[in-house]
């Protein structure tokens, strides 16, 4: 199967070489300009943008689990429901 596919569409392009940054000069910002554009030294937390957990609505928040493993579990659960009907 693989060889047939490759013969039809050809080999994928070779990866590009790493970018050479040796000739690039990076500038710096003054501290006042950094504050003006809200440049953070670390990853900001939601609270820094006045965003807080939703606790005033009575119903608890749904915490979704993600990832391939969780998706396969959900898929298996759904398919078992379909097969039961």
PDB file of N, CA and C in Angstrom:
ATOM      1  N   UNK A   1       0.821  -1.190   0.000  1.00  0.00           N
ATOM      2  CA  UNK A   1       0.000   0.000   0.000  1.00  0.00           C
ATOM      3  C   UNK A   1       0.866   1.254   0.000  1.00  0.00           C
ATOM      4  N   UNK A   2       1.888   1.283   0.884  1.00  0.00           N
ATOM      5  CA  UNK A   2       2.747   2.461   0.987  1.00  0.00           C
ATOM      6  C   UNK A   2       3.441   2.747  -0.334  1.00  0.00           C
ATOM      7  N   UNK A   3       4.049   1.726  -0.950  1.00  0.00           N
ATOM      8  CA  UNK A   3       4.787   1.949  -2.190  1.00  0.00           C
ATOM      9  C   UNK A   3       3.866   2.429  -3.304  1.00  0.00           C
ATOM     10  N   UNK A   4       2.654   1.920  -3.336  1.00  0.00           N
ATOM     11  CA  UNK A   4       1.701   2.373  -4.348  1.00  0.00           C
ATOM     12  C   UNK A   4       1.367   3.844  -4.148  1.00  0.00           C
ATOM     13  N   UNK A   5       1.166   4.239  -2.906  1.00  0.00           N
ATOM     14  CA  UNK A   5       0.849   5.637  -2.611  1.00  0.00           C
ATOM     15  C   UNK A   5       2.013   6.538  -2.991  1.00  0.00           C
ATOM     16  N   UNK A   6       3.230   6.147  -2.630  1.00  0.00           N
ATOM     17  CA  UNK A   6       4.408   6.948  -2.952  1.00  0.00           C
ATOM     18  C   UNK A   6       4.584   7.051  -4.454  1.00  0.00           C
ATOM     19  N   UNK A   7       4.320   5.969  -5.170  1.00  0.00           N
ATOM     20  CA  UNK A   7       4.479   6.018  -6.625  1.00  0.00           C
ATOM     21  C   UNK A   7       3.440   6.942  -7.259  1.00  0.00           C
ATOM     22  N   UNK A   8       2.291   7.104  -6.611  1.00  0.00           N
ATOM     23  CA  UNK A   8       1.252   7.988  -7.153  1.00  0.00           C
ATOM     24  C   UNK A   8       1.523   9.459  -6.845  1.00  0.00           C
ATOM     25  N   UNK A   9       1.904   9.756  -5.599  1.00  0.00           N
ATOM     26  CA  UNK A   9       2.039  11.167  -5.212  1.00  0.00           C
ATOM     27  C   UNK A   9       3.478  11.620  -5.072  1.00  0.00           C
ATOM     28  N   UNK A  10       4.424  10.712  -5.057  1.00  0.00           N
ATOM     29  CA  UNK A  10       5.829  11.081  -4.926  1.00  0.00           C
ATOM     30  C   UNK A  10       6.253  11.196  -3.475  1.00  0.00           C
ATOM     31  N   UNK A  11       7.545  11.328  -3.281  1.00  0.00           N
ATOM     32  CA  UNK A  11       8.091  11.453  -1.944  1.00  0.00           C
ATOM     33  C   UNK A  11       7.761  12.833  -1.364  1.00  0.00           C
ATOM     34  N   UNK A  12       7.664  12.927  -0.046  1.00  0.00           N
ATOM     35  CA  UNK A  12       7.420  14.236   0.566  1.00  0.00           C
ATOM     36  C   UNK A  12       8.647  15.118   0.406  1.00  0.00           C
ATOM     37  N   UNK A  13       8.463  16.441   0.462  1.00  0.00           N
ATOM     38  CA  UNK A  13       9.623  17.326   0.330  1.00  0.00           C
ATOM     39  C   UNK A  13      10.563  17.165   1.523  1.00  0.00           C
ATOM     40  N   UNK A  14      11.827  17.394   1.294  1.00  0.00           N
ATOM     41  CA  UNK A  14      12.830  17.312   2.357  1.00  0.00           C
ATOM     42  C   UNK A  14      12.617  18.461   3.335  1.00  0.00           C
ATOM     43  N   UNK A  15      12.920  18.264   4.610  1.00  0.00           N
ATOM     44  CA  UNK A  15      12.787  19.354   5.578  1.00  0.00           C
ATOM     45  C   UNK A  15      13.722  20.512   5.248  1.00  0.00           C
ATOM     46  N   UNK A  16      13.296  21.717   5.574  1.00  0.00           N
ATOM     47  CA  UNK A  16      14.139  22.896   5.369  1.00  0.00           C
ATOM     48  C   UNK A  16      15.226  22.915   6.433  1.00  0.00           C
ATOM     49  N   UNK A  17      16.331  23.534   6.113  1.00  0.00           N
ATOM     50  CA  UNK A  17      17.398  23.670   7.094  1.00  0.00           C
ATOM     51  C   UNK A  17      16.965  24.652   8.174  1.00  0.00           C
ATOM     52  N   UNK A  18      17.605  24.569   9.335  1.00  0.00           N
ATOM     53  CA  UNK A  18      17.315  25.507  10.410  1.00  0.00           C
ATOM     54  C   UNK A  18      17.618  26.924   9.952  1.00  0.00           C
ATOM     55  N   UNK A  19      16.838  27.866  10.429  1.00  0.00           N
ATOM     56  CA  UNK A  19      17.044  29.266  10.081  1.00  0.00           C
ATOM     57  C   UNK A  19      18.310  29.763  10.769  1.00  0.00           C
ATOM     58  N   UNK A  20      19.104  30.507  10.033  1.00  0.00           N
ATOM     59  CA  UNK A  20      20.353  31.050  10.567  1.00  0.00           C
ATOM     60  C   UNK A  20      20.090  32.456  11.097  1.00  0.00           C
ATOM     61  N   UNK A  21      20.123  32.601  12.423  1.00  0.00           N
ATOM     62  CA  UNK A  21      19.868  33.890  13.051  1.00  0.00           C
ATOM     63  C   UNK A  21      21.167  34.646  13.380  1.00  0.00           C
ATOM     64  N   UNK A  22      22.303  34.161  12.921  1.00  0.00           N
ATOM     65  CA  UNK A  22      23.572  34.800  13.280  1.00  0.00           C
ATOM     66  C   UNK A  22      23.671  36.239  12.782  1.00  0.00           C
ATOM     67  N   UNK A  23      23.022  36.554  11.681  1.00  0.00           N
ATOM     68  CA  UNK A  23      23.135  37.891  11.100  1.00  0.00           C
ATOM     69  C   UNK A  23      21.942  38.775  11.467  1.00  0.00           C
ATOM     70  N   UNK A  24      21.118  38.339  12.401  1.00  0.00           N
ATOM     71  CA  UNK A  24      19.949  39.109  12.812  1.00  0.00           C
ATOM     72  C   UNK A  24      20.272  39.844  14.106  1.00  0.00           C
ATOM     73  N   UNK A  25      19.943  41.109  14.141  1.00  0.00           N
ATOM     74  CA  UNK A  25      20.128  41.889  15.355  1.00  0.00           C
ATOM     75  C   UNK A  25      18.755  42.122  15.979  1.00  0.00           C
ATOM     76  N   UNK A  26      18.599  41.626  17.181  1.00  0.00           N
ATOM     77  CA  UNK A  26      17.343  41.794  17.883  1.00  0.00           C
ATOM     78  C   UNK A  26      17.418  43.063  18.725  1.00  0.00           C
ATOM     79  N   UNK A  27      16.373  43.850  18.649  1.00  0.00           N
ATOM     80  CA  UNK A  27      16.339  45.093  19.416  1.00  0.00           C
ATOM     81  C   UNK A  27      15.858  44.863  20.832  1.00  0.00           C
ATOM     82  N   UNK A  28      15.950  45.883  21.603  1.00  0.00           N
ATOM     83  CA  UNK A  28      15.444  45.844  22.969  1.00  0.00           C
ATOM     84  C   UNK A  28      14.453  46.977  23.142  1.00  0.00           C
ATOM     85  N   UNK A  29      13.559  46.819  24.100  1.00  0.00           N
ATOM     86  CA  UNK A  29      12.555  47.839  24.377  1.00  0.00           C
ATOM     87  C   UNK A  29      12.886  48.506  25.706  1.00  0.00           C
ATOM     88  N   UNK A  30      12.591  49.767  25.768  1.00  0.00           N
ATOM     89  CA  UNK A  30      12.755  50.450  27.049  1.00  0.00           C
ATOM     90  C   UNK A  30      11.701  49.907  28.021  1.00  0.00           C
ATOM     91  N   UNK A  31      11.959  50.037  29.313  1.00  0.00           N
ATOM     92  CA  UNK A  31      11.014  49.530  30.310  1.00  0.00           C
ATOM     93  C   UNK A  31       9.666  50.217  30.206  1.00  0.00           C
ATOM     94  N   UNK A  32       9.657  51.518  29.905  1.00  0.00           N
ATOM     95  CA  UNK A  32       8.381  52.234  29.792  1.00  0.00           C
ATOM     96  C   UNK A  32       7.568  51.709  28.606  1.00  0.00           C
ATOM     97  N   UNK A  33       8.239  51.391  27.501  1.00  0.00           N
ATOM     98  CA  UNK A  33       7.524  50.845  26.344  1.00  0.00           C
ATOM     99  C   UNK A  33       7.033  49.430  26.638  1.00  0.00           C
ATOM    100  N   UNK A  34       7.829  48.639  27.370  1.00  0.00           N
ATOM    101  CA  UNK A  34       7.392  47.304  27.750  1.00  0.00           C
ATOM    102  C   UNK A  34       6.112  47.369  28.574  1.00  0.00           C
ATOM    103  N   UNK A  35       6.039  48.308  29.513  1.00  0.00           N
ATOM    104  CA  UNK A  35       4.819  48.454  30.325  1.00  0.00           C
ATOM    105  C   UNK A  35       3.651  48.917  29.463  1.00  0.00           C
ATOM    106  N   UNK A  36       3.923  49.811  28.522  1.00  0.00           N
ATOM    107  CA  UNK A  36       2.855  50.358  27.678  1.00  0.00           C
ATOM    108  C   UNK A  36       2.222  49.275  26.802  1.00  0.00           C
ATOM    109  N   UNK A  37       3.014  48.345  26.303  1.00  0.00           N
ATOM    110  CA  UNK A  37       2.479  47.283  25.438  1.00  0.00           C
ATOM    111  C   UNK A  37       2.192  46.017  26.227  1.00  0.00           C
ATOM    112  N   UNK A  38       2.278  46.086  27.548  1.00  0.00           N
ATOM    113  CA  UNK A  38       1.990  44.965  28.443  1.00  0.00           C
ATOM    114  C   UNK A  38       2.859  43.753  28.133  1.00  0.00           C
ATOM    115  N   UNK A  39       4.134  43.982  27.997  1.00  0.00           N
ATOM    116  CA  UNK A  39       5.079  42.897  27.753  1.00  0.00           C
ATOM    117  C   UNK A  39       5.332  42.178  29.068  1.00  0.00           C
ATOM    118  N   UNK A  40       5.063  40.881  29.112  1.00  0.00           N
ATOM    119  CA  UNK A  40       5.220  40.092  30.320  1.00  0.00           C
ATOM    120  C   UNK A  40       6.560  39.374  30.300  1.00  0.00           C
ATOM    121  N   UNK A  41       7.189  39.291  31.450  1.00  0.00           N
ATOM    122  CA  UNK A  41       8.446  38.557  31.570  1.00  0.00           C
ATOM    123  C   UNK A  41       8.198  37.067  31.716  1.00  0.00           C
ATOM    124  N   UNK A  42       6.993  36.686  32.144  1.00  0.00           N
ATOM    125  CA  UNK A  42       6.601  35.285  32.292  1.00  0.00           C
ATOM    126  C   UNK A  42       5.209  35.127  31.683  1.00  0.00           C
ATOM    127  N   UNK A  43       4.746  33.891  31.591  1.00  0.00           N
ATOM    128  CA  UNK A  43       3.401  33.639  31.074  1.00  0.00           C
ATOM    129  C   UNK A  43       2.398  34.217  32.070  1.00  0.00           C
ATOM    130  N   UNK A  44       1.523  35.109  31.615  1.00  0.00           N
ATOM    131  CA  UNK A  44       0.585  35.728  32.552  1.00  0.00           C
ATOM    132  C   UNK A  44      -0.505  34.768  33.001  1.00  0.00           C
ATOM    133  N   UNK A  45      -1.034  35.023  34.169  1.00  0.00           N
ATOM    134  CA  UNK A  45      -2.148  34.241  34.721  1.00  0.00           C
ATOM    135  C   UNK A  45      -3.452  34.957  34.379  1.00  0.00           C
ATOM    136  N   UNK A  46      -4.569  34.226  34.270  1.00  0.00           N
ATOM    137  CA  UNK A  46      -5.848  34.857  33.940  1.00  0.00           C
ATOM    138  C   UNK A  46      -6.210  36.002  34.894  1.00  0.00           C
ATOM    139  N   UNK A  47      -5.814  35.876  36.156  1.00  0.00           N
ATOM    140  CA  UNK A  47      -6.146  36.908  37.132  1.00  0.00           C
ATOM    141  C   UNK A  47      -5.512  38.249  36.781  1.00  0.00           C
ATOM    142  N   UNK A  48      -4.379  38.226  36.061  1.00  0.00           N
ATOM    143  CA  UNK A  48      -3.737  39.472  35.664  1.00  0.00           C
ATOM    144  C   UNK A  48      -4.585  40.232  34.638  1.00  0.00           C
ATOM    145  N   UNK A  49      -5.539  39.555  34.021  1.00  0.00           N
ATOM    146  CA  UNK A  49      -6.459  40.180  33.077  1.00  0.00           C
ATOM    147  C   UNK A  49      -7.855  40.320  33.683  1.00  0.00           C
ATOM    148  N   UNK A  50      -7.914  40.196  35.015  1.00  0.00           N
ATOM    149  CA  UNK A  50      -9.169  40.295  35.764  1.00  0.00           C
ATOM    150  C   UNK A  50     -10.169  39.214  35.344  1.00  0.00           C
ATOM    151  N   UNK A  51      -9.660  38.012  35.075  1.00  0.00           N
ATOM    152  CA  UNK A  51     -10.495  36.850  34.758  1.00  0.00           C
ATOM    153  C   UNK A  51     -10.376  35.870  35.911  1.00  0.00           C
ATOM    154  N   UNK A  52     -11.504  35.519  36.500  1.00  0.00           N
ATOM    155  CA  UNK A  52     -11.513  34.666  37.677  1.00  0.00           C
ATOM    156  C   UNK A  52     -12.417  33.457  37.435  1.00  0.00           C
ATOM    157  N   UNK A  53     -12.220  32.376  38.188  1.00  0.00           N
ATOM    158  CA  UNK A  53     -13.085  31.193  38.026  1.00  0.00           C
ATOM    159  C   UNK A  53     -14.555  31.551  38.249  1.00  0.00           C
ATOM    160  N   UNK A  54     -15.416  30.897  37.498  1.00  0.00           N
ATOM    161  CA  UNK A  54     -16.861  31.135  37.615  1.00  0.00           C
ATOM    162  C   UNK A  54     -17.398  30.353  38.804  1.00  0.00           C
ATOM    163  N   UNK A  55     -17.593  31.035  39.914  1.00  0.00           N
ATOM    164  CA  UNK A  55     -18.083  30.357  41.117  1.00  0.00           C
ATOM    165  C   UNK A  55     -19.435  30.874  41.561  1.00  0.00           C
ATOM    166  N   UNK A  56     -19.948  31.915  40.923  1.00  0.00           N
ATOM    167  CA  UNK A  56     -21.183  32.548  41.381  1.00  0.00           C
ATOM    168  C   UNK A  56     -22.437  32.031  40.685  1.00  0.00           C
ATOM    169  N   UNK A  57     -22.341  30.996  39.869  1.00  0.00           N
ATOM    170  CA  UNK A  57     -23.480  30.577  39.067  1.00  0.00           C
ATOM    171  C   UNK A  57     -24.217  29.369  39.622  1.00  0.00           C
ATOM    172  N   UNK A  58     -23.809  28.857  40.760  1.00  0.00           N
ATOM    173  CA  UNK A  58     -24.531  27.751  41.379  1.00  0.00           C
ATOM    174  C   UNK A  58     -24.108  26.389  40.861  1.00  0.00           C
ATOM    175  N   UNK A  59     -24.112  26.182  39.569  1.00  0.00           N
ATOM    176  CA  UNK A  59     -23.734  24.893  38.991  1.00  0.00           C
ATOM    177  C   UNK A  59     -22.212  24.791  38.929  1.00  0.00           C
ATOM    178  N   UNK A  60     -21.662  23.650  39.296  1.00  0.00           N
ATOM    179  CA  UNK A  60     -20.205  23.505  39.192  1.00  0.00           C
ATOM    180  C   UNK A  60     -19.778  23.486  37.726  1.00  0.00           C
ATOM    181  N   UNK A  61     -18.594  23.962  37.480  1.00  0.00           N
ATOM    182  CA  UNK A  61     -18.064  23.941  36.120  1.00  0.00           C
ATOM    183  C   UNK A  61     -17.784  22.511  35.688  1.00  0.00           C
ATOM    184  N   UNK A  62     -17.973  22.240  34.419  1.00  0.00           N
ATOM    185  CA  UNK A  62     -17.641  20.929  33.869  1.00  0.00           C
ATOM    186  C   UNK A  62     -16.155  20.941  33.537  1.00  0.00           C
ATOM    187  N   UNK A  63     -15.434  20.002  34.057  1.00  0.00           N
ATOM    188  CA  UNK A  63     -14.006  19.887  33.763  1.00  0.00           C
ATOM    189  C   UNK A  63     -13.825  18.810  32.702  1.00  0.00           C
ATOM    190  N   UNK A  64     -13.507  19.220  31.499  1.00  0.00           N
ATOM    191  CA  UNK A  64     -13.338  18.286  30.400  1.00  0.00           C
ATOM    192  C   UNK A  64     -11.941  17.719  30.429  1.00  0.00           C
ATOM    193  N   UNK A  65     -11.847  16.424  30.244  1.00  0.00           N
ATOM    194  CA  UNK A  65     -10.560  15.768  30.112  1.00  0.00           C
ATOM    195  C   UNK A  65     -10.256  15.627  28.631  1.00  0.00           C
ATOM    196  N   UNK A  66      -9.035  15.871  28.260  1.00  0.00           N
ATOM    197  CA  UNK A  66      -8.678  15.806  26.852  1.00  0.00           C
ATOM    198  C   UNK A  66      -7.596  14.778  26.592  1.00  0.00           C
ATOM    199  N   UNK A  67      -7.171  14.718  25.356  1.00  0.00           N
ATOM    200  CA  UNK A  67      -6.093  13.814  24.968  1.00  0.00           C
ATOM    201  C   UNK A  67      -6.611  12.629  24.185  1.00  0.00           C
ATOM    202  N   UNK A  68      -5.698  11.973  23.518  1.00  0.00           N
ATOM    203  CA  UNK A  68      -6.051  10.842  22.655  1.00  0.00           C
ATOM    204  C   UNK A  68      -6.645   9.691  23.457  1.00  0.00           C
ATOM    205  N   UNK A  69      -6.063   9.389  24.613  1.00  0.00           N
ATOM    206  CA  UNK A  69      -6.553   8.275  25.418  1.00  0.00           C
ATOM    207  C   UNK A  69      -7.996   8.514  25.841  1.00  0.00           C
ATOM    208  N   UNK A  70      -8.279   9.717  26.313  1.00  0.00           N
ATOM    209  CA  UNK A  70      -9.645  10.045  26.733  1.00  0.00           C
ATOM    210  C   UNK A  70     -10.606  10.004  25.541  1.00  0.00           C
ATOM    211  N   UNK A  71     -10.147  10.472  24.379  1.00  0.00           N
ATOM    212  CA  UNK A  71     -10.982  10.442  23.175  1.00  0.00           C
ATOM    213  C   UNK A  71     -11.319   9.004  22.779  1.00  0.00           C
ATOM    214  N   UNK A  72     -10.357   8.104  22.879  1.00  0.00           N
ATOM    215  CA  UNK A  72     -10.613   6.701  22.535  1.00  0.00           C
ATOM    216  C   UNK A  72     -11.594   6.062  23.513  1.00  0.00           C
ATOM    217  N   UNK A  73     -11.512   6.429  24.783  1.00  0.00           N
ATOM    218  CA  UNK A  73     -12.473   5.926  25.767  1.00  0.00           C
ATOM    219  C   UNK A  73     -13.879   6.393  25.411  1.00  0.00           C
ATOM    220  N   UNK A  74     -14.005   7.698  25.100  1.00  0.00           N
ATOM    221  CA  UNK A  74     -15.318   8.248  24.731  1.00  0.00           C
ATOM    222  C   UNK A  74     -15.848   7.605  23.453  1.00  0.00           C
ATOM    223  N   UNK A  75     -14.977   7.395  22.478  1.00  0.00           N
ATOM    224  CA  UNK A  75     -15.392   6.752  21.232  1.00  0.00           C
ATOM    225  C   UNK A  75     -15.897   5.341  21.506  1.00  0.00           C
ATOM    226  N   UNK A  76     -15.186   4.596  22.327  1.00  0.00           N
ATOM    227  CA  UNK A  76     -15.589   3.236  22.671  1.00  0.00           C
ATOM    228  C   UNK A  76     -16.940   3.238  23.383  1.00  0.00           C
ATOM    229  N   UNK A  77     -17.143   4.181  24.309  1.00  0.00           N
ATOM    230  CA  UNK A  77     -18.435   4.287  24.999  1.00  0.00           C
ATOM    231  C   UNK A  77     -19.557   4.566  24.011  1.00  0.00           C
ATOM    232  N   UNK A  78     -19.314   5.482  23.083  1.00  0.00           N
ATOM    233  CA  UNK A  78     -20.340   5.847  22.095  1.00  0.00           C
ATOM    234  C   UNK A  78     -20.653   4.676  21.175  1.00  0.00           C
ATOM    235  N   UNK A  79     -19.618   3.987  20.716  1.00  0.00           N
ATOM    236  CA  UNK A  79     -19.852   2.850  19.818  1.00  0.00           C
ATOM    237  C   UNK A  79     -20.587   1.725  20.528  1.00  0.00           C
ATOM    238  N   UNK A  80     -20.325   1.534  21.821  1.00  0.00           N
ATOM    239  CA  UNK A  80     -21.059   0.480  22.543  1.00  0.00           C
ATOM    240  C   UNK A  80     -22.510   0.843  22.679  1.00  0.00           C
ATOM    241  N   UNK A  81     -22.841   2.134  22.787  1.00  0.00           N
ATOM    242  CA  UNK A  81     -24.239   2.563  22.849  1.00  0.00           C
ATOM    243  C   UNK A  81     -24.936   2.327  21.521  1.00  0.00           C
ATOM    244  N   UNK A  82     -24.242   2.601  20.423  1.00  0.00           N
ATOM    245  CA  UNK A  82     -24.801   2.413  19.091  1.00  0.00           C
ATOM    246  C   UNK A  82     -25.053   0.933  18.844  1.00  0.00           C
ATOM    247  N   UNK A  83     -24.141   0.073  19.270  1.00  0.00           N
ATOM    248  CA  UNK A  83     -24.273  -1.366  19.049  1.00  0.00           C
ATOM    249  C   UNK A  83     -25.394  -1.965  19.897  1.00  0.00           C
ATOM    250  N   UNK A  84     -25.720  -1.347  21.030  1.00  0.00           N
ATOM    251  CA  UNK A  84     -26.783  -1.856  21.879  1.00  0.00           C
ATOM    252  C   UNK A  84     -28.172  -1.622  21.270  1.00  0.00           C
ATOM    253  N   UNK A  85     -28.281  -0.576  20.451  1.00  0.00           N
ATOM    254  CA  UNK A  85     -29.602  -0.237  19.871  1.00  0.00           C
ATOM    255  C   UNK A  85     -29.847  -0.960  18.613  1.00  0.00           C
TER     256      UNK A  85
END
